[in-house]
Amino acid sequence: MGWNIRYTHKQDVMAETNDRTTPSWTVHDLQANWFAPWNARLTVGVDNVGNKMPPIDMGMSVGFNNDLYNPYGRIPYFRYTQSF
């Protein structure tokens, strides 16, 4: 079982036309693994469990800084790994 916290500190942006600050952003990821007796691992997880969207930054063309933030929201996943 795993729990990951991703934190991005607030950003102070100094621009020619508009000085602005975007707030900090925190998201939580969960993951669980099961180790099978045939040398395999099954992983189930969710990134951004709370479906928290990135802070709005009107100075960016897409409304947020996509170099810092993941805009995809909640992402469930399943992974199968086989060792030989």
Foldseek 3Di string as FASTA:
>chain_A
DDKDKDKDAKDFDDDPVDTDIWHIDIFMKDKDWDQDPQQKIKMKIKTRVVQDAGTADVVDPVRHPPVPDDGPGIDIDMDMGHDD
